[in-house]
């Protein structure tokens, strides 16, 4: 079973407009609402692929009730822990003209110390049943700065592998706990290391404790630095659409590969195929099955010998 953790769960609201124009009024021709946050999106993709999964994290208030109701409707197992604060909403505006997406993310509700302790205790029970734990997204206000590090340590003690997808201080503070895979995008990797060279930045994160680093590079695919070697995997063709959910689809493939013990080149091929297949879909958490099956045998994976590490 794969457990996904979304500490800052949200109700994702997507507006579709003909074209997005600054300083102008827009007629919204369609609205889509559903439970979101990166871990929830990862769980949707995993469930669609047939992997048993559970969703945990924090949710509260009227918005939390709405997102939990949608999880039930979607058939995703809800193990969210209630909090007093109202869960956040995210707003994505998708332009039908060019497929570009503009995202507005609320900070999220304050989490009290007792609420964090309740969650950690619940998580410690859930993680005993997990093969892989995905920890994804931003931290809401309130939890300790090393919240993800604490959760990674609990997972390791229970024998579960971990995939971490976050950025900034939340990422840096978790590295000493030894996550099995971290998945920043190229901009996030440069921001936390101050290095513009992708391989050098990934090596720095490994030096700080990450066992493997998989950096997403948008339409250029993935760069992976692992104990077994390093690789670049690129999509066989470029797709237009909404890239909002591509990173979450990538994380789903990485988690599935860890759970199955799949060799890194094959896992990266799946990750590129699945993330590319998310681009034609209007909302995060979905992927186009035809694109996925077409790409998964066509993604080139090249080993980069010069980037091998000593760990």
Protein backbone atom coordinates (compact mmCIF):
# COMPACT_ATOMS: atom_id res chain seq x y z
CA UNK A 1 0.00 0.00 0.00
CA UNK A 2 1.16 3.54 -0.78
CA UNK A 3 0.31 6.23 1.78
CA UNK A 4 0.16 9.82 0.56
CA UNK A 5 0.50 12.71 3.01
CA UNK A 6 -0.98 16.15 2.27
CA UNK A 7 -0.46 18.39 5.28
CA UNK A 8 -1.95 21.37 3.45
CA UNK A 9 -4.91 19.75 1.69
CA UNK A 10 -7.07 22.03 -0.42
CA UNK A 11 -10.24 22.31 -2.38
CA UNK A 12 -8.93 22.89 -5.89
CA UNK A 13 -11.09 25.23 -7.95
CA UNK A 14 -10.31 25.46 -11.67
CA UNK A 15 -11.74 28.21 -13.88
CA UNK A 16 -11.67 27.84 -17.66
CA UNK A 17 -11.60 31.00 -19.78
CA UNK A 18 -11.16 31.62 -23.49
CA UNK A 19 -7.99 33.62 -22.87
CA UNK A 20 -6.36 35.13 -19.77
CA UNK A 21 -5.75 38.85 -20.17
CA UNK A 22 -4.21 41.00 -17.40
CA UNK A 23 -6.33 43.88 -16.08
CA UNK A 24 -9.46 42.61 -17.82
CA UNK A 25 -12.76 40.97 -16.86
CA UNK A 26 -13.23 37.35 -17.87
CA UNK A 27 -16.25 35.20 -18.52
CA UNK A 28 -15.74 31.79 -16.91
CA UNK A 29 -17.27 29.13 -19.16
CA UNK A 30 -16.63 26.15 -16.84
CA UNK A 31 -15.72 25.56 -13.19
CA UNK A 32 -14.28 22.38 -11.71
CA UNK A 33 -13.98 21.71 -7.95
CA UNK A 34 -12.41 18.77 -6.21
CA UNK A 35 -10.14 17.73 -3.36
CA UNK A 36 -6.52 18.57 -4.01
CA UNK A 37 -3.09 19.24 -2.70
CA UNK A 38 -0.11 17.43 -4.15
CA UNK A 39 -0.48 14.23 -2.14
CA UNK A 40 -4.16 13.92 -3.03
CA UNK A 41 -3.32 14.35 -6.72
CA UNK A 42 -0.65 11.66 -6.43
CA UNK A 43 -3.20 9.31 -4.83
CA UNK A 44 -5.63 9.89 -7.70
CA UNK A 45 -3.02 8.88 -10.25
CA UNK A 46 -1.96 5.82 -8.24
CA UNK A 47 -5.56 4.70 -7.83
CA UNK A 48 -6.17 5.06 -11.57
CA UNK A 49 -3.16 2.80 -12.15
CA UNK A 50 -4.58 0.19 -9.78
CA UNK A 51 -2.30 0.73 -6.79
CA UNK A 52 -3.85 0.47 -3.29
CA UNK A 53 -3.49 3.86 -1.65
CA UNK A 54 -4.60 5.87 1.38
CA UNK A 55 -4.81 9.65 1.77
CA UNK A 56 -3.84 11.28 5.04
CA UNK A 57 -3.00 14.79 6.16
CA UNK A 58 -4.95 17.63 7.75
CA UNK A 59 -8.34 19.10 6.87
CA UNK A 60 -10.85 21.24 8.69
CA UNK A 61 -13.78 23.64 8.55
CA UNK A 62 -16.44 23.90 5.83
CA UNK A 63 -13.86 23.64 3.06
CA UNK A 64 -12.37 20.55 4.68
CA UNK A 65 -15.82 18.94 4.75
CA UNK A 66 -16.26 19.65 1.05
CA UNK A 67 -12.92 18.15 0.10
CA UNK A 68 -13.49 15.07 2.27
CA UNK A 69 -16.87 14.57 0.63
CA UNK A 70 -15.25 14.72 -2.78
CA UNK A 71 -12.61 12.17 -1.72
CA UNK A 72 -15.45 9.81 -0.79
CA UNK A 73 -17.13 10.39 -4.14
CA UNK A 74 -13.85 9.68 -5.93
CA UNK A 75 -13.41 6.40 -4.04
CA UNK A 76 -10.17 7.45 -2.34
CA UNK A 77 -9.64 6.16 1.19
CA UNK A 78 -9.74 9.16 3.53
CA UNK A 79 -7.55 9.08 6.63
CA UNK A 80 -7.33 12.86 7.01
CA UNK A 81 -7.06 14.19 10.56
CA UNK A 82 -9.48 17.01 11.48
CA UNK A 83 -8.27 20.43 12.59
CA UNK A 84 -10.15 23.51 13.75
CA UNK A 85 -9.03 25.84 10.96
CA UNK A 86 -10.72 25.99 7.58
CA UNK A 87 -8.78 24.22 4.83
CA UNK A 88 -7.48 26.35 2.01
CA UNK A 89 -8.71 26.69 -1.54
CA UNK A 90 -6.50 26.92 -4.58
CA UNK A 91 -7.66 28.67 -7.72
CA UNK A 92 -6.31 27.76 -11.15
CA UNK A 93 -7.26 29.75 -14.24
CA UNK A 94 -6.76 27.80 -17.45
CA UNK A 95 -6.69 29.62 -20.78
CA UNK A 96 -8.29 27.62 -23.57
CA UNK A 97 -6.36 29.75 -26.07
CA UNK A 98 -2.95 28.31 -25.23
CA UNK A 99 -3.51 25.86 -22.34
CA UNK A 100 -1.50 27.99 -19.90
CA UNK A 101 -2.48 27.78 -16.25
CA UNK A 102 -2.24 30.56 -13.64
CA UNK A 103 -2.40 29.28 -10.05
CA UNK A 104 -3.32 31.10 -6.83
CA UNK A 105 -2.39 29.22 -3.64
CA UNK A 106 -3.66 30.19 -0.21
CA UNK A 107 -1.26 29.73 2.71
CA UNK A 108 -3.52 27.35 4.62
CA UNK A 109 -4.94 27.21 8.16
CA UNK A 110 -2.88 27.39 11.35
CA UNK A 111 -2.24 23.97 12.89
CA UNK A 112 -2.11 23.97 16.70
CA UNK A 113 0.57 21.93 18.54
CA UNK A 114 -2.03 19.47 19.87
CA UNK A 115 -3.42 19.01 16.34
CA UNK A 116 0.06 18.24 15.05
CA UNK A 117 0.58 15.71 17.86
CA UNK A 118 -2.75 14.04 17.01
CA UNK A 119 -1.76 13.81 13.37
CA UNK A 120 1.70 12.40 14.13
CA UNK A 121 0.18 9.69 16.34
CA UNK A 122 -2.36 8.75 13.64
CA UNK A 123 0.33 8.75 10.97
CA UNK A 124 2.54 6.47 13.07
CA UNK A 125 -0.24 3.89 13.00
CA UNK A 126 -0.97 4.23 9.28
CA UNK A 127 2.65 4.02 8.21
CA UNK A 128 2.95 0.50 9.61
CA UNK A 129 0.75 -0.68 6.72
CA UNK A 130 2.63 1.21 4.01
CA UNK A 131 5.37 0.07 1.66
CA UNK A 132 5.96 3.61 0.41
CA UNK A 133 5.01 6.99 1.85
CA UNK A 134 4.67 10.08 -0.35
CA UNK A 135 5.05 13.39 1.49
CA UNK A 136 4.08 16.19 -0.83
CA UNK A 137 3.32 19.88 -0.90
CA UNK A 138 3.77 22.92 1.28
CA UNK A 139 3.58 23.04 5.07
CA UNK A 140 0.69 24.97 6.61
CA UNK A 141 1.50 27.41 9.42
CA UNK A 142 2.03 25.75 12.79
CA UNK A 143 3.81 22.40 12.39
CA UNK A 144 7.49 22.28 13.34
CA UNK A 145 9.96 23.33 10.61
CA UNK A 146 11.27 19.75 10.45
CA UNK A 147 7.77 18.25 10.16
CA UNK A 148 8.65 16.26 7.07
CA UNK A 149 11.87 15.06 8.68
CA UNK A 150 9.89 13.73 11.63
CA UNK A 151 7.48 11.90 9.34
CA UNK A 152 10.32 10.43 7.27
CA UNK A 153 11.98 9.13 10.44
CA UNK A 154 8.72 7.45 11.53
CA UNK A 155 8.36 5.87 8.09
CA UNK A 156 11.94 4.58 8.12
CA UNK A 157 11.42 3.08 11.57
CA UNK A 158 8.36 1.25 10.21
CA UNK A 159 10.28 -0.04 7.18
CA UNK A 160 8.56 2.16 4.59
CA UNK A 161 10.38 3.95 1.77
CA UNK A 162 9.72 7.67 1.33
CA UNK A 163 9.29 10.08 -1.57
CA UNK A 164 9.45 13.78 -0.67
CA UNK A 165 8.10 16.48 -2.99
CA UNK A 166 8.40 19.90 -1.39
CA UNK A 167 10.62 22.95 -1.64
CA UNK A 168 12.54 25.60 0.28
CA UNK A 169 13.15 25.24 4.03
CA UNK A 170 10.69 22.32 4.31
CA UNK A 171 12.89 20.37 1.88
CA UNK A 172 16.21 21.32 3.43
CA UNK A 173 15.10 20.52 6.98
CA UNK A 174 13.97 17.02 5.95
CA UNK A 175 17.15 15.86 4.22
CA UNK A 176 18.99 14.75 7.35
CA UNK A 177 16.22 12.17 7.93
CA UNK A 178 17.34 10.38 4.74
CA UNK A 179 14.36 10.38 2.35
CA UNK A 180 14.70 7.67 -0.28
CA UNK A 181 13.75 10.03 -3.12
CA UNK A 182 13.34 13.80 -3.28
CA UNK A 183 11.66 15.31 -6.33
CA UNK A 184 12.23 19.06 -6.70
CA UNK A 185 11.83 20.77 -10.02
CA UNK A 186 14.87 22.46 -11.52
CA UNK A 187 13.93 25.92 -10.21
CA UNK A 188 13.33 24.60 -6.67
CA UNK A 189 16.63 22.73 -6.78
CA UNK A 190 18.51 25.87 -7.80
CA UNK A 191 16.72 27.91 -5.13
CA UNK A 192 17.64 25.63 -2.20
CA UNK A 193 21.25 25.08 -3.26
CA UNK A 194 22.19 28.34 -4.99
CA UNK A 195 23.62 26.26 -7.83
CA UNK A 196 22.62 26.67 -11.45
CA UNK A 197 24.25 23.39 -12.52
CA UNK A 198 21.63 20.64 -12.21
CA UNK A 199 24.03 17.79 -11.50
CA UNK A 200 25.97 19.75 -8.89
CA UNK A 201 22.78 20.87 -7.16
CA UNK A 202 21.44 17.31 -7.06
CA UNK A 203 24.76 16.07 -5.68
CA UNK A 204 24.53 18.67 -2.90
CA UNK A 205 21.13 17.33 -1.82
CA UNK A 206 22.53 13.80 -1.79
CA UNK A 207 25.39 15.04 0.34
CA UNK A 208 22.84 16.44 2.80
CA UNK A 209 21.07 13.10 3.17
CA UNK A 210 18.76 12.39 0.23
CA UNK A 211 19.37 8.89 -1.13
CA UNK A 212 18.20 9.79 -4.62
CA UNK A 213 17.31 13.08 -6.30
CA UNK A 214 14.95 13.25 -9.27
CA UNK A 215 14.71 16.75 -10.73
CA UNK A 216 11.90 17.59 -13.11
CA UNK A 217 12.87 19.89 -15.95
CA UNK A 218 9.50 20.64 -17.52
CA UNK A 219 9.36 19.71 -21.20
CA UNK A 220 13.00 18.52 -21.01
CA UNK A 221 12.02 15.57 -18.81
CA UNK A 222 13.88 14.31 -15.75
CA UNK A 223 17.40 14.18 -14.35
CA UNK A 224 18.03 11.53 -11.70
CA UNK A 225 21.00 11.10 -9.39
CA UNK A 226 20.84 7.82 -7.45
CA UNK A 227 23.13 5.39 -5.62
CA UNK A 228 23.04 3.20 -8.76
CA UNK A 229 24.00 5.96 -11.20
CA UNK A 230 22.51 8.97 -12.93
CA UNK A 231 20.21 9.28 -15.92
CA UNK A 232 18.36 11.73 -18.11
CA UNK A 233 14.91 10.78 -19.42
CA UNK A 234 13.11 12.93 -21.98
CA UNK A 235 9.65 12.80 -23.55
CA UNK A 236 9.63 11.63 -27.17
CA UNK A 237 7.54 14.63 -28.22
CA UNK A 238 6.21 17.87 -26.76
CA UNK A 239 2.56 18.18 -25.74
CA UNK A 240 0.45 21.28 -25.21
CA UNK A 241 -2.00 21.69 -22.37
CA UNK A 242 -2.03 22.30 -18.62
CA UNK A 243 1.23 21.21 -16.91
CA UNK A 244 -0.13 21.75 -13.37
CA UNK A 245 -0.46 18.04 -12.54
CA UNK A 246 2.63 16.77 -14.34
CA UNK A 247 4.83 16.82 -11.25
CA UNK A 248 2.27 14.92 -9.19
CA UNK A 249 1.97 12.26 -11.89
CA UNK A 250 5.76 11.96 -11.89
CA UNK A 251 5.78 11.42 -8.12
CA UNK A 252 3.10 8.74 -8.47
CA UNK A 253 5.33 6.84 -10.90
CA UNK A 254 8.35 7.17 -8.59
CA UNK A 255 6.34 5.81 -5.65
CA UNK A 256 5.01 2.91 -7.71
CA UNK A 257 8.52 2.11 -8.88
CA UNK A 258 9.82 2.08 -5.31
CA UNK A 259 6.97 -0.18 -4.19
CA UNK A 260 7.66 -2.65 -6.99
CA UNK A 261 11.47 -2.52 -6.78
CA UNK A 262 11.65 -1.44 -10.42
CA UNK A 263 15.12 -0.56 -11.80
CA UNK A 264 15.74 3.17 -12.07
CA UNK A 265 15.77 3.45 -15.89
CA UNK A 266 12.36 1.79 -16.10
CA UNK A 267 10.97 3.89 -13.26
CA UNK A 268 12.15 7.09 -14.97
CA UNK A 269 10.63 5.99 -18.26
CA UNK A 270 7.30 5.51 -16.49
CA UNK A 271 7.65 8.83 -14.69
CA UNK A 272 8.21 10.79 -17.90
CA UNK A 273 5.40 8.98 -19.71
CA UNK A 274 2.94 9.54 -16.89
CA UNK A 275 3.87 13.19 -16.30
CA UNK A 276 3.61 13.91 -20.04
CA UNK A 277 0.22 12.20 -20.12
CA UNK A 278 -1.01 14.60 -17.42
CA UNK A 279 -0.37 17.67 -19.59
CA UNK A 280 -3.36 17.24 -21.96
CA UNK A 281 -5.72 16.98 -18.96
CA UNK A 282 -7.41 20.13 -17.69
CA UNK A 283 -7.10 19.33 -13.95
CA UNK A 284 -4.30 17.94 -11.78
CA UNK A 285 -4.62 14.31 -10.74
CA UNK A 286 -5.77 13.08 -14.16
CA UNK A 287 -3.78 11.67 -17.07
CA UNK A 288 -4.56 10.68 -20.62
CA UNK A 289 -4.36 6.89 -20.81
CA UNK A 290 -3.67 6.76 -24.55
CA UNK A 291 -0.74 9.17 -24.26
CA UNK A 292 0.63 7.26 -21.28
CA UNK A 293 0.59 3.90 -23.05
CA UNK A 294 2.05 5.42 -26.22
CA UNK A 295 4.90 7.16 -24.40
CA UNK A 296 5.89 4.49 -21.89
CA UNK A 297 7.73 2.44 -24.53
CA UNK A 298 9.13 5.46 -26.38
CA UNK A 299 10.85 7.52 -23.65
CA UNK A 300 14.65 7.54 -24.16
CA UNK A 301 16.69 7.12 -20.97
CA UNK A 302 20.39 7.98 -21.16
CA UNK A 303 22.87 7.14 -18.43
CA UNK A 304 25.11 10.06 -17.49
CA UNK A 305 28.36 8.41 -16.38
CA UNK A 306 30.13 11.58 -15.31
CA UNK A 307 27.53 12.29 -12.63
CA UNK A 308 28.00 9.10 -10.59
CA UNK A 309 28.44 9.71 -6.91
CA UNK A 310 30.41 8.07 -4.13
CA UNK A 311 27.45 7.28 -1.88
